[in-house]
PDB file of all heavy atoms in Angstrom:
ATOM      1  N   LEU A   1     -71.326  -9.603 -26.827  1.00  0.00           N
ATOM      2  CA  LEU A   1     -70.579  -8.374 -27.134  1.00  0.00           C
ATOM      3  C   LEU A   1     -69.193  -8.792 -27.601  1.00  0.00           C
ATOM      4  O   LEU A   1     -68.578  -9.731 -27.096  1.00  0.00           O
ATOM      5  CB  LEU A   1     -70.490  -7.478 -25.884  1.00  0.00           C
ATOM      6  CG  LEU A   1     -71.716  -6.920 -25.398  1.00  0.00           C
ATOM      7  CD1 LEU A   1     -71.470  -6.104 -24.108  1.00  0.00           C
ATOM      8  CD2 LEU A   1     -72.386  -5.973 -26.434  1.00  0.00           C
ATOM      9  N   THR A   2     -68.676  -8.062 -28.522  1.00  0.00           N
ATOM     10  CA  THR A   2     -67.266  -8.224 -28.916  1.00  0.00           C
ATOM     11  C   THR A   2     -66.428  -7.320 -28.117  1.00  0.00           C
ATOM     12  O   THR A   2     -66.208  -6.160 -28.540  1.00  0.00           O
ATOM     13  CB  THR A   2     -67.143  -7.889 -30.417  1.00  0.00           C
ATOM     14  OG1 THR A   2     -68.059  -8.704 -31.175  1.00  0.00           O
ATOM     15  CG2 THR A   2     -65.780  -8.236 -30.946  1.00  0.00           C
ATOM     16  N   VAL A   3     -65.969  -7.755 -26.980  1.00  0.00           N
ATOM     17  CA  VAL A   3     -65.167  -6.907 -26.090  1.00  0.00           C
ATOM     18  C   VAL A   3     -63.762  -6.943 -26.594  1.00  0.00           C
ATOM     19  O   VAL A   3     -63.136  -7.998 -26.597  1.00  0.00           O
ATOM     20  CB  VAL A   3     -65.282  -7.394 -24.612  1.00  0.00           C
ATOM     21  CG1 VAL A   3     -64.463  -6.507 -23.720  1.00  0.00           C
ATOM     22  CG2 VAL A   3     -66.759  -7.431 -24.175  1.00  0.00           C
ATOM     23  N   PRO A   4     -63.177  -5.796 -26.860  1.00  0.00           N
ATOM     24  CA  PRO A   4     -61.731  -5.833 -27.299  1.00  0.00           C
ATOM     25  C   PRO A   4     -60.762  -6.174 -26.168  1.00  0.00           C
ATOM     26  O   PRO A   4     -60.712  -5.442 -25.185  1.00  0.00           O
ATOM     27  CB  PRO A   4     -61.519  -4.342 -27.796  1.00  0.00           C
ATOM     28  CG  PRO A   4     -62.537  -3.538 -27.101  1.00  0.00           C
ATOM     29  CD  PRO A   4     -63.732  -4.490 -26.865  1.00  0.00           C
ATOM     30  N   THR A   5     -60.035  -7.218 -26.376  1.00  0.00           N
ATOM     31  CA  THR A   5     -59.064  -7.623 -25.367  1.00  0.00           C
ATOM     32  C   THR A   5     -57.806  -6.684 -25.579  1.00  0.00           C
ATOM     33  O   THR A   5     -57.676  -5.936 -26.524  1.00  0.00           O
ATOM     34  CB  THR A   5     -58.641  -9.001 -25.507  1.00  0.00           C
ATOM     35  OG1 THR A   5     -58.058  -9.249 -26.784  1.00  0.00           O
ATOM     36  CG2 THR A   5     -59.848  -9.958 -25.331  1.00  0.00           C
ATOM     37  N   ALA A   6     -56.903  -6.788 -24.626  1.00  0.00           N
ATOM     38  CA  ALA A   6     -55.677  -5.878 -24.694  1.00  0.00           C
ATOM     39  C   ALA A   6     -54.978  -6.100 -26.009  1.00  0.00           C
ATOM     40  O   ALA A   6     -54.339  -5.197 -26.571  1.00  0.00           O
ATOM     41  CB  ALA A   6     -54.736  -6.158 -23.469  1.00  0.00           C
ATOM     42  N   SER A   7     -54.890  -7.363 -26.472  1.00  0.00           N
ATOM     43  CA  SER A   7     -54.150  -7.726 -27.623  1.00  0.00           C
ATOM     44  C   SER A   7     -54.727  -7.181 -28.927  1.00  0.00           C
ATOM     45  O   SER A   7     -54.035  -7.032 -29.902  1.00  0.00           O
ATOM     46  CB  SER A   7     -53.958  -9.291 -27.755  1.00  0.00           C
ATOM     47  OG  SER A   7     -55.263  -9.908 -27.892  1.00  0.00           O
ATOM     48  N   ARG A   8     -56.032  -6.935 -28.981  1.00  0.00           N
ATOM     49  CA  ARG A   8     -56.673  -6.494 -30.199  1.00  0.00           C
ATOM     50  C   ARG A   8     -57.340  -5.170 -30.051  1.00  0.00           C
ATOM     51  O   ARG A   8     -57.981  -4.622 -30.986  1.00  0.00           O
ATOM     52  CB  ARG A   8     -57.655  -7.502 -30.685  1.00  0.00           C
ATOM     53  CG  ARG A   8     -58.833  -7.761 -29.805  1.00  0.00           C
ATOM     54  CD  ARG A   8     -59.692  -8.840 -30.327  1.00  0.00           C
ATOM     55  NE  ARG A   8     -60.891  -9.013 -29.498  1.00  0.00           N
ATOM     56  CZ  ARG A   8     -61.677 -10.058 -29.527  1.00  0.00           C
ATOM     57  NH1 ARG A   8     -61.462 -11.079 -30.332  1.00  0.00           N
ATOM     58  NH2 ARG A   8     -62.791 -10.095 -28.793  1.00  0.00           N
ATOM     59  N   ALA A   9     -57.187  -4.449 -28.893  1.00  0.00           N
ATOM     60  CA  ALA A   9     -57.886  -3.193 -28.658  1.00  0.00           C
ATOM     61  C   ALA A   9     -57.418  -2.120 -29.640  1.00  0.00           C
ATOM     62  O   ALA A   9     -58.215  -1.373 -30.079  1.00  0.00           O
ATOM     63  CB  ALA A   9     -57.610  -2.777 -27.243  1.00  0.00           C
ATOM     64  N   ALA A  10     -56.164  -2.141 -30.028  1.00  0.00           N
ATOM     65  CA  ALA A  10     -55.634  -1.108 -30.936  1.00  0.00           C
ATOM     66  C   ALA A  10     -56.385  -1.150 -32.289  1.00  0.00           C
ATOM     67  O   ALA A  10     -56.775  -0.121 -32.863  1.00  0.00           O
ATOM     68  CB  ALA A  10     -54.175  -1.212 -31.183  1.00  0.00           C
ATOM     69  N   GLY A  11     -56.571  -2.350 -32.769  1.00  0.00           N
ATOM     70  CA  GLY A  11     -57.305  -2.495 -34.064  1.00  0.00           C
ATOM     71  C   GLY A  11     -58.742  -2.032 -33.968  1.00  0.00           C
ATOM     72  O   GLY A  11     -59.268  -1.403 -34.887  1.00  0.00           O
ATOM     73  N   TYR A  12     -59.355  -2.397 -32.849  1.00  0.00           N
ATOM     74  CA  TYR A  12     -60.726  -2.009 -32.571  1.00  0.00           C
ATOM     75  C   TYR A  12     -60.947  -0.452 -32.512  1.00  0.00           C
ATOM     76  O   TYR A  12     -61.694   0.172 -33.138  1.00  0.00           O
ATOM     77  CB  TYR A  12     -61.188  -2.631 -31.302  1.00  0.00           C
ATOM     78  CG  TYR A  12     -62.673  -2.590 -31.013  1.00  0.00           C
ATOM     79  CD1 TYR A  12     -63.438  -3.766 -31.235  1.00  0.00           C
ATOM     80  CD2 TYR A  12     -63.291  -1.489 -30.504  1.00  0.00           C
ATOM     81  CE1 TYR A  12     -64.878  -3.731 -30.944  1.00  0.00           C
ATOM     82  CE2 TYR A  12     -64.657  -1.487 -30.230  1.00  0.00           C
ATOM     83  CZ  TYR A  12     -65.400  -2.596 -30.450  1.00  0.00           C
ATOM     84  OH  TYR A  12     -66.743  -2.602 -30.120  1.00  0.00           O
ATOM     85  N   GLU A  13     -59.964   0.116 -31.770  1.00  0.00           N
ATOM     86  CA  GLU A  13     -59.922   1.623 -31.612  1.00  0.00           C
ATOM     87  C   GLU A  13     -59.674   2.279 -32.941  1.00  0.00           C
ATOM     88  O   GLU A  13     -60.287   3.299 -33.254  1.00  0.00           O
ATOM     89  CB  GLU A  13     -58.929   1.987 -30.578  1.00  0.00           C
ATOM     90  CG  GLU A  13     -59.334   1.473 -29.152  1.00  0.00           C
ATOM     91  CD  GLU A  13     -58.201   1.398 -28.190  1.00  0.00           C
ATOM     92  OE1 GLU A  13     -57.001   1.677 -28.542  1.00  0.00           O
ATOM     93  OE2 GLU A  13     -58.401   1.010 -27.042  1.00  0.00           O
ATOM     94  N   ASP A  14     -58.760   1.727 -33.753  1.00  0.00           N
ATOM     95  CA  ASP A  14     -58.450   2.361 -35.010  1.00  0.00           C
ATOM     96  C   ASP A  14     -59.685   2.317 -35.877  1.00  0.00           C
ATOM     97  O   ASP A  14     -59.965   3.236 -36.681  1.00  0.00           O
ATOM     98  CB  ASP A  14     -57.300   1.560 -35.736  1.00  0.00           C
ATOM     99  CG  ASP A  14     -55.988   1.867 -35.110  1.00  0.00           C
ATOM    100  OD1 ASP A  14     -55.864   2.822 -34.312  1.00  0.00           O
ATOM    101  OD2 ASP A  14     -55.031   1.096 -35.436  1.00  0.00           O
ATOM    102  N   ALA A  15     -60.479   1.213 -35.806  1.00  0.00           N
ATOM    103  CA  ALA A  15     -61.703   1.050 -36.581  1.00  0.00           C
ATOM    104  C   ALA A  15     -62.730   2.033 -36.211  1.00  0.00           C
ATOM    105  O   ALA A  15     -63.503   2.541 -36.988  1.00  0.00           O
ATOM    106  CB  ALA A  15     -62.215  -0.403 -36.563  1.00  0.00           C
ATOM    107  N   VAL A  16     -62.858   2.320 -34.916  1.00  0.00           N
ATOM    108  CA  VAL A  16     -63.771   3.357 -34.415  1.00  0.00           C
ATOM    109  C   VAL A  16     -63.416   4.685 -34.998  1.00  0.00           C
ATOM    110  O   VAL A  16     -64.287   5.402 -35.574  1.00  0.00           O
ATOM    111  CB  VAL A  16     -63.811   3.408 -32.899  1.00  0.00           C
ATOM    112  CG1 VAL A  16     -64.592   4.626 -32.419  1.00  0.00           C
ATOM    113  CG2 VAL A  16     -64.449   2.161 -32.318  1.00  0.00           C
ATOM    114  N   LEU A  17     -62.163   5.103 -34.890  1.00  0.00           N
ATOM    115  CA  LEU A  17     -61.760   6.431 -35.491  1.00  0.00           C
ATOM    116  C   LEU A  17     -61.931   6.421 -36.998  1.00  0.00           C
ATOM    117  O   LEU A  17     -62.321   7.460 -37.571  1.00  0.00           O
ATOM    118  CB  LEU A  17     -60.314   6.695 -35.061  1.00  0.00           C
ATOM    119  CG  LEU A  17     -59.810   8.092 -35.465  1.00  0.00           C
ATOM    120  CD1 LEU A  17     -60.694   9.199 -35.000  1.00  0.00           C
ATOM    121  CD2 LEU A  17     -58.355   8.289 -35.068  1.00  0.00           C
ATOM    122  N   ALA A  18     -61.574   5.306 -37.624  1.00  0.00           N
ATOM    123  CA  ALA A  18     -61.848   5.285 -39.105  1.00  0.00           C
ATOM    124  C   ALA A  18     -63.275   5.479 -39.505  1.00  0.00           C
ATOM    125  O   ALA A  18     -63.595   6.129 -40.435  1.00  0.00           O
ATOM    126  CB  ALA A  18     -61.280   3.964 -39.668  1.00  0.00           C
ATOM    127  N   GLY A  19     -64.165   4.806 -38.704  1.00  0.00           N
ATOM    128  CA  GLY A  19     -65.595   4.982 -38.990  1.00  0.00           C
ATOM    129  C   GLY A  19     -66.137   6.399 -38.748  1.00  0.00           C
ATOM    130  O   GLY A  19     -66.870   6.885 -39.505  1.00  0.00           O
ATOM    131  N   ILE A  20     -65.560   7.069 -37.645  1.00  0.00           N
ATOM    132  CA  ILE A  20     -65.836   8.450 -37.434  1.00  0.00           C
ATOM    133  C   ILE A  20     -65.415   9.301 -38.599  1.00  0.00           C
ATOM    134  O   ILE A  20     -66.161  10.166 -39.124  1.00  0.00           O
ATOM    135  CB  ILE A  20     -65.245   8.929 -36.136  1.00  0.00           C
ATOM    136  CG1 ILE A  20     -65.967   8.293 -34.930  1.00  0.00           C
ATOM    137  CG2 ILE A  20     -65.269  10.441 -35.998  1.00  0.00           C
ATOM    138  CD1 ILE A  20     -65.246   8.560 -33.607  1.00  0.00           C
ATOM    139  N   ASN A  21     -64.204   9.073 -39.083  1.00  0.00           N
ATOM    140  CA  ASN A  21     -63.644   9.932 -40.183  1.00  0.00           C
ATOM    141  C   ASN A  21     -64.377   9.594 -41.456  1.00  0.00           C
ATOM    142  O   ASN A  21     -64.561  10.545 -42.323  1.00  0.00           O
ATOM    143  CB  ASN A  21     -62.154   9.701 -40.316  1.00  0.00           C
ATOM    144  CG  ASN A  21     -61.352  10.477 -39.271  1.00  0.00           C
ATOM    145  OD1 ASN A  21     -61.846  11.540 -38.839  1.00  0.00           O
ATOM    146  ND2 ASN A  21     -60.209   9.954 -38.937  1.00  0.00           N
ATOM    147  N   GLN A  22     -64.806   8.376 -41.698  1.00  0.00           N
ATOM    148  CA  GLN A  22     -65.581   8.110 -42.900  1.00  0.00           C
ATOM    149  C   GLN A  22     -66.922   8.875 -42.900  1.00  0.00           C
ATOM    150  O   GLN A  22     -67.328   9.371 -43.893  1.00  0.00           O
ATOM    151  CB  GLN A  22     -65.792   6.583 -42.989  1.00  0.00           C
ATOM    152  CG  GLN A  22     -66.519   6.139 -44.179  1.00  0.00           C
ATOM    153  CD  GLN A  22     -65.720   6.190 -45.452  1.00  0.00           C
ATOM    154  OE1 GLN A  22     -64.577   6.379 -45.424  1.00  0.00           O
ATOM    155  NE2 GLN A  22     -66.365   5.942 -46.590  1.00  0.00           N
ATOM    156  N   ALA A  23     -67.586   8.868 -41.734  1.00  0.00           N
ATOM    157  CA  ALA A  23     -68.849   9.533 -41.617  1.00  0.00           C
ATOM    158  C   ALA A  23     -68.657  11.062 -41.806  1.00  0.00           C
ATOM    159  O   ALA A  23     -69.518  11.761 -42.470  1.00  0.00           O
ATOM    160  CB  ALA A  23     -69.538   9.282 -40.306  1.00  0.00           C
ATOM    161  N   ARG A  24     -67.530  11.644 -41.284  1.00  0.00           N
ATOM    162  CA  ARG A  24     -67.271  13.032 -41.422  1.00  0.00           C
ATOM    163  C   ARG A  24     -67.018  13.424 -42.893  1.00  0.00           C
ATOM    164  O   ARG A  24     -67.481  14.437 -43.369  1.00  0.00           O
ATOM    165  CB  ARG A  24     -66.080  13.481 -40.603  1.00  0.00           C
ATOM    166  CG  ARG A  24     -66.375  13.604 -39.098  1.00  0.00           C
ATOM    167  CD  ARG A  24     -65.062  13.763 -38.300  1.00  0.00           C
ATOM    168  NE  ARG A  24     -64.265  14.912 -38.641  1.00  0.00           N
ATOM    169  CZ  ARG A  24     -64.359  16.124 -38.088  1.00  0.00           C
ATOM    170  NH1 ARG A  24     -65.197  16.300 -37.082  1.00  0.00           N
ATOM    171  NH2 ARG A  24     -63.608  17.125 -38.449  1.00  0.00           N
ATOM    172  N   ALA A  25     -66.366  12.507 -43.625  1.00  0.00           N
ATOM    173  CA  ALA A  25     -65.976  12.769 -44.955  1.00  0.00           C
ATOM    174  C   ALA A  25     -67.166  12.552 -45.913  1.00  0.00           C
ATOM    175  O   ALA A  25     -67.258  13.260 -46.978  1.00  0.00           O
ATOM    176  CB  ALA A  25     -64.813  11.913 -45.402  1.00  0.00           C
ATOM    177  N   HIS A  26     -68.064  11.657 -45.577  1.00  0.00           N
ATOM    178  CA  HIS A  26     -69.160  11.276 -46.502  1.00  0.00           C
ATOM    179  C   HIS A  26     -70.511  11.252 -45.743  1.00  0.00           C
ATOM    180  O   HIS A  26     -71.113  10.196 -45.629  1.00  0.00           O
ATOM    181  CB  HIS A  26     -68.875   9.937 -47.183  1.00  0.00           C
ATOM    182  CG  HIS A  26     -67.531   9.929 -47.846  1.00  0.00           C
ATOM    183  ND1 HIS A  26     -67.303  10.525 -49.044  1.00  0.00           N
ATOM    184  CD2 HIS A  26     -66.351   9.316 -47.525  1.00  0.00           C
ATOM    185  CE1 HIS A  26     -66.063  10.280 -49.429  1.00  0.00           C
ATOM    186  NE2 HIS A  26     -65.475   9.583 -48.528  1.00  0.00           N
ATOM    187  N   PRO A  27     -70.977  12.377 -45.226  1.00  0.00           N
ATOM    188  CA  PRO A  27     -72.172  12.341 -44.363  1.00  0.00           C
ATOM    189  C   PRO A  27     -73.430  11.930 -45.178  1.00  0.00           C
ATOM    190  O   PRO A  27     -74.322  11.194 -44.609  1.00  0.00           O
ATOM    191  CB  PRO A  27     -72.316  13.778 -43.861  1.00  0.00           C
ATOM    192  CG  PRO A  27     -71.503  14.618 -44.837  1.00  0.00           C
ATOM    193  CD  PRO A  27     -70.391  13.733 -45.238  1.00  0.00           C
ATOM    194  N   GLN A  28     -73.580  12.287 -46.416  1.00  0.00           N
ATOM    195  CA  GLN A  28     -74.726  11.867 -47.220  1.00  0.00           C
ATOM    196  C   GLN A  28     -74.757  10.403 -47.452  1.00  0.00           C
ATOM    197  O   GLN A  28     -75.783   9.734 -47.401  1.00  0.00           O
ATOM    198  CB  GLN A  28     -74.809  12.672 -48.531  1.00  0.00           C
ATOM    199  CG  GLN A  28     -75.247  14.120 -48.355  1.00  0.00           C
ATOM    200  CD  GLN A  28     -74.058  14.997 -47.845  1.00  0.00           C
ATOM    201  OE1 GLN A  28     -72.942  14.830 -48.236  1.00  0.00           O
ATOM    202  NE2 GLN A  28     -74.413  15.884 -46.907  1.00  0.00           N
ATOM    203  N   ALA A  29     -73.564   9.771 -47.675  1.00  0.00           N
ATOM    204  CA  ALA A  29     -73.482   8.348 -47.860  1.00  0.00           C
ATOM    205  C   ALA A  29     -73.873   7.633 -46.589  1.00  0.00           C
ATOM    206  O   ALA A  29     -74.561   6.592 -46.613  1.00  0.00           O
ATOM    207  CB  ALA A  29     -72.040   7.921 -48.288  1.00  0.00           C
ATOM    208  N   TYR A  30     -73.530   8.203 -45.416  1.00  0.00           N
ATOM    209  CA  TYR A  30     -73.914   7.573 -44.173  1.00  0.00           C
ATOM    210  C   TYR A  30     -75.445   7.655 -43.930  1.00  0.00           C
ATOM    211  O   TYR A  30     -76.027   6.742 -43.499  1.00  0.00           O
ATOM    212  CB  TYR A  30     -73.145   8.191 -42.983  1.00  0.00           C
ATOM    213  CG  TYR A  30     -73.185   7.299 -41.744  1.00  0.00           C
ATOM    214  CD1 TYR A  30     -72.066   6.484 -41.522  1.00  0.00           C
ATOM    215  CD2 TYR A  30     -74.229   7.228 -40.916  1.00  0.00           C
ATOM    216  CE1 TYR A  30     -72.078   5.588 -40.400  1.00  0.00           C
ATOM    217  CE2 TYR A  30     -74.290   6.432 -39.759  1.00  0.00           C
ATOM    218  CZ  TYR A  30     -73.137   5.616 -39.602  1.00  0.00           C
ATOM    219  OH  TYR A  30     -73.156   4.727 -38.508  1.00  0.00           O
ATOM    220  N   ALA A  31     -76.011   8.763 -44.349  1.00  0.00           N
ATOM    221  CA  ALA A  31     -77.473   8.975 -44.293  1.00  0.00           C
ATOM    222  C   ALA A  31     -78.163   7.929 -45.103  1.00  0.00           C
ATOM    223  O   ALA A  31     -79.147   7.355 -44.677  1.00  0.00           O
ATOM    224  CB  ALA A  31     -77.850  10.396 -44.744  1.00  0.00           C
ATOM    225  N   ARG A  32     -77.673   7.690 -46.285  1.00  0.00           N
ATOM    226  CA  ARG A  32     -78.296   6.631 -47.156  1.00  0.00           C
ATOM    227  C   ARG A  32     -78.131   5.228 -46.574  1.00  0.00           C
ATOM    228  O   ARG A  32     -79.015   4.469 -46.703  1.00  0.00           O
ATOM    229  CB  ARG A  32     -77.630   6.680 -48.558  1.00  0.00           C
ATOM    230  CG  ARG A  32     -77.997   7.936 -49.375  1.00  0.00           C
ATOM    231  CD  ARG A  32     -77.597   7.754 -50.792  1.00  0.00           C
ATOM    232  NE  ARG A  32     -76.201   7.895 -50.926  1.00  0.00           N
ATOM    233  CZ  ARG A  32     -75.532   9.045 -51.118  1.00  0.00           C
ATOM    234  NH1 ARG A  32     -76.133  10.233 -51.097  1.00  0.00           N
ATOM    235  NH2 ARG A  32     -74.174   9.085 -51.245  1.00  0.00           N
ATOM    236  N   ARG A  33     -77.079   4.992 -45.870  1.00  0.00           N
ATOM    237  CA  ARG A  33     -76.879   3.731 -45.222  1.00  0.00           C
ATOM    238  C   ARG A  33     -77.859   3.627 -44.036  1.00  0.00           C
ATOM    239  O   ARG A  33     -78.456   2.491 -43.858  1.00  0.00           O
ATOM    240  CB  ARG A  33     -75.437   3.646 -44.666  1.00  0.00           C
ATOM    241  CG  ARG A  33     -75.170   2.425 -43.810  1.00  0.00           C
ATOM    242  CD  ARG A  33     -73.725   2.422 -43.318  1.00  0.00           C
ATOM    243  NE  ARG A  33     -73.548   1.480 -42.276  1.00  0.00           N
ATOM    244  CZ  ARG A  33     -72.361   1.370 -41.644  1.00  0.00           C
ATOM    245  NH1 ARG A  33     -71.330   2.103 -41.897  1.00  0.00           N
ATOM    246  NH2 ARG A  33     -72.210   0.476 -40.676  1.00  0.00           N
ATOM    247  N   LEU A  34     -78.044   4.680 -43.283  1.00  0.00           N
ATOM    248  CA  LEU A  34     -79.067   4.600 -42.218  1.00  0.00           C
ATOM    249  C   LEU A  34     -80.431   4.332 -42.779  1.00  0.00           C
ATOM    250  O   LEU A  34     -81.204   3.591 -42.190  1.00  0.00           O
ATOM    251  CB  LEU A  34     -79.116   5.933 -41.446  1.00  0.00           C
ATOM    252  CG  LEU A  34     -78.028   6.233 -40.427  1.00  0.00           C
ATOM    253  CD1 LEU A  34     -78.268   7.581 -39.828  1.00  0.00           C
ATOM    254  CD2 LEU A  34     -77.958   5.183 -39.347  1.00  0.00           C
ATOM    255  N   ARG A  35     -80.741   4.983 -43.896  1.00  0.00           N
ATOM    256  CA  ARG A  35     -82.086   4.761 -44.507  1.00  0.00           C
ATOM    257  C   ARG A  35     -82.232   3.269 -44.956  1.00  0.00           C
ATOM    258  O   ARG A  35     -83.249   2.640 -44.741  1.00  0.00           O
ATOM    259  CB  ARG A  35     -82.307   5.658 -45.694  1.00  0.00           C
ATOM    260  CG  ARG A  35     -83.685   5.458 -46.402  1.00  0.00           C
ATOM    261  CD  ARG A  35     -84.782   5.899 -45.520  1.00  0.00           C
ATOM    262  NE  ARG A  35     -84.899   7.303 -45.354  1.00  0.00           N
ATOM    263  CZ  ARG A  35     -85.524   7.950 -44.360  1.00  0.00           C
ATOM    264  NH1 ARG A  35     -86.143   7.226 -43.472  1.00  0.00           N
ATOM    265  NH2 ARG A  35     -85.611   9.278 -44.359  1.00  0.00           N
ATOM    266  N   HIS A  36     -81.185   2.728 -45.550  1.00  0.00           N
ATOM    267  CA  HIS A  36     -81.204   1.322 -46.029  1.00  0.00           C
ATOM    268  C   HIS A  36     -81.399   0.459 -44.781  1.00  0.00           C
ATOM    269  O   HIS A  36     -82.171  -0.549 -44.868  1.00  0.00           O
ATOM    270  CB  HIS A  36     -79.877   0.992 -46.737  1.00  0.00           C
ATOM    271  CG  HIS A  36     -79.748  -0.411 -47.108  1.00  0.00           C
ATOM    272  ND1 HIS A  36     -79.120  -1.321 -46.346  1.00  0.00           N
ATOM    273  CD2 HIS A  36     -80.126  -1.103 -48.208  1.00  0.00           C
ATOM    274  CE1 HIS A  36     -79.122  -2.552 -46.885  1.00  0.00           C
ATOM    275  NE2 HIS A  36     -79.761  -2.417 -48.052  1.00  0.00           N
ATOM    276  N   ASP A  37     -80.609   0.616 -43.742  1.00  0.00           N
ATOM    277  CA  ASP A  37     -80.781  -0.223 -42.577  1.00  0.00           C
ATOM    278  C   ASP A  37     -82.177  -0.097 -41.895  1.00  0.00           C
ATOM    279  O   ASP A  37     -82.665  -1.123 -41.432  1.00  0.00           O
ATOM    280  CB  ASP A  37     -79.740   0.204 -41.445  1.00  0.00           C
ATOM    281  CG  ASP A  37     -78.286  -0.205 -41.914  1.00  0.00           C
ATOM    282  OD1 ASP A  37     -78.141  -0.953 -42.910  1.00  0.00           O
ATOM    283  OD2 ASP A  37     -77.319   0.292 -41.314  1.00  0.00           O
ATOM    284  N   GLN A  38     -82.688   1.109 -41.934  1.00  0.00           N
ATOM    285  CA  GLN A  38     -84.058   1.370 -41.367  1.00  0.00           C
ATOM    286  C   GLN A  38     -85.024   0.528 -42.162  1.00  0.00           C
ATOM    287  O   GLN A  38     -85.933  -0.150 -41.583  1.00  0.00           O
ATOM    288  CB  GLN A  38     -84.288   2.825 -41.428  1.00  0.00           C
ATOM    289  CG  GLN A  38     -85.697   3.268 -40.992  1.00  0.00           C
ATOM    290  CD  GLN A  38     -85.951   4.656 -41.416  1.00  0.00           C
ATOM    291  OE1 GLN A  38     -85.801   5.042 -42.535  1.00  0.00           O
ATOM    292  NE2 GLN A  38     -86.441   5.488 -40.450  1.00  0.00           N
ATOM    293  N   LEU A  39     -85.002   0.592 -43.489  1.00  0.00           N
ATOM    294  CA  LEU A  39     -85.955  -0.112 -44.331  1.00  0.00           C
ATOM    295  C   LEU A  39     -85.767  -1.629 -44.190  1.00  0.00           C
ATOM    296  O   LEU A  39     -86.708  -2.380 -44.154  1.00  0.00           O
ATOM    297  CB  LEU A  39     -85.796   0.276 -45.766  1.00  0.00           C
ATOM    298  CG  LEU A  39     -86.154   1.728 -46.061  1.00  0.00           C
ATOM    299  CD1 LEU A  39     -85.831   2.148 -47.499  1.00  0.00           C
ATOM    300  CD2 LEU A  39     -87.641   2.012 -45.799  1.00  0.00           C
ATOM    301  N   ARG A  40     -84.523  -2.137 -44.106  1.00  0.00           N
ATOM    302  CA  ARG A  40     -84.270  -3.511 -43.937  1.00  0.00           C
ATOM    303  C   ARG A  40     -84.837  -4.042 -42.622  1.00  0.00           C
ATOM    304  O   ARG A  40     -85.471  -5.090 -42.562  1.00  0.00           O
ATOM    305  CB  ARG A  40     -82.777  -3.797 -44.032  1.00  0.00           C
ATOM    306  CG  ARG A  40     -82.410  -5.250 -43.953  1.00  0.00           C
ATOM    307  CD  ARG A  40     -80.911  -5.521 -44.128  1.00  0.00           C
ATOM    308  NE  ARG A  40     -80.167  -4.787 -43.073  1.00  0.00           N
ATOM    309  CZ  ARG A  40     -78.859  -4.757 -43.028  1.00  0.00           C
ATOM    310  NH1 ARG A  40     -78.146  -5.423 -44.008  1.00  0.00           N
ATOM    311  NH2 ARG A  40     -78.229  -4.105 -42.089  1.00  0.00           N
ATOM    312  N   ALA A  41     -84.674  -3.256 -41.518  1.00  0.00           N
ATOM    313  CA  ALA A  41     -85.228  -3.687 -40.225  1.00  0.00           C
ATOM    314  C   ALA A  41     -86.681  -3.731 -40.279  1.00  0.00           C
ATOM    315  O   ALA A  41     -87.347  -4.623 -39.680  1.00  0.00           O
ATOM    316  CB  ALA A  41     -84.718  -2.686 -39.130  1.00  0.00           C
TER     317      ALA A  41
END
């Protein structure tokens, strides 16, 4: 696991919120990504 230490937690947390906002802004693009990952697996 990539456990965020105190020194880098802020960047990790910013990336989580950025990912949430990206999915909110582009839900169809995220759906296509899920499909791609599903087929690749």
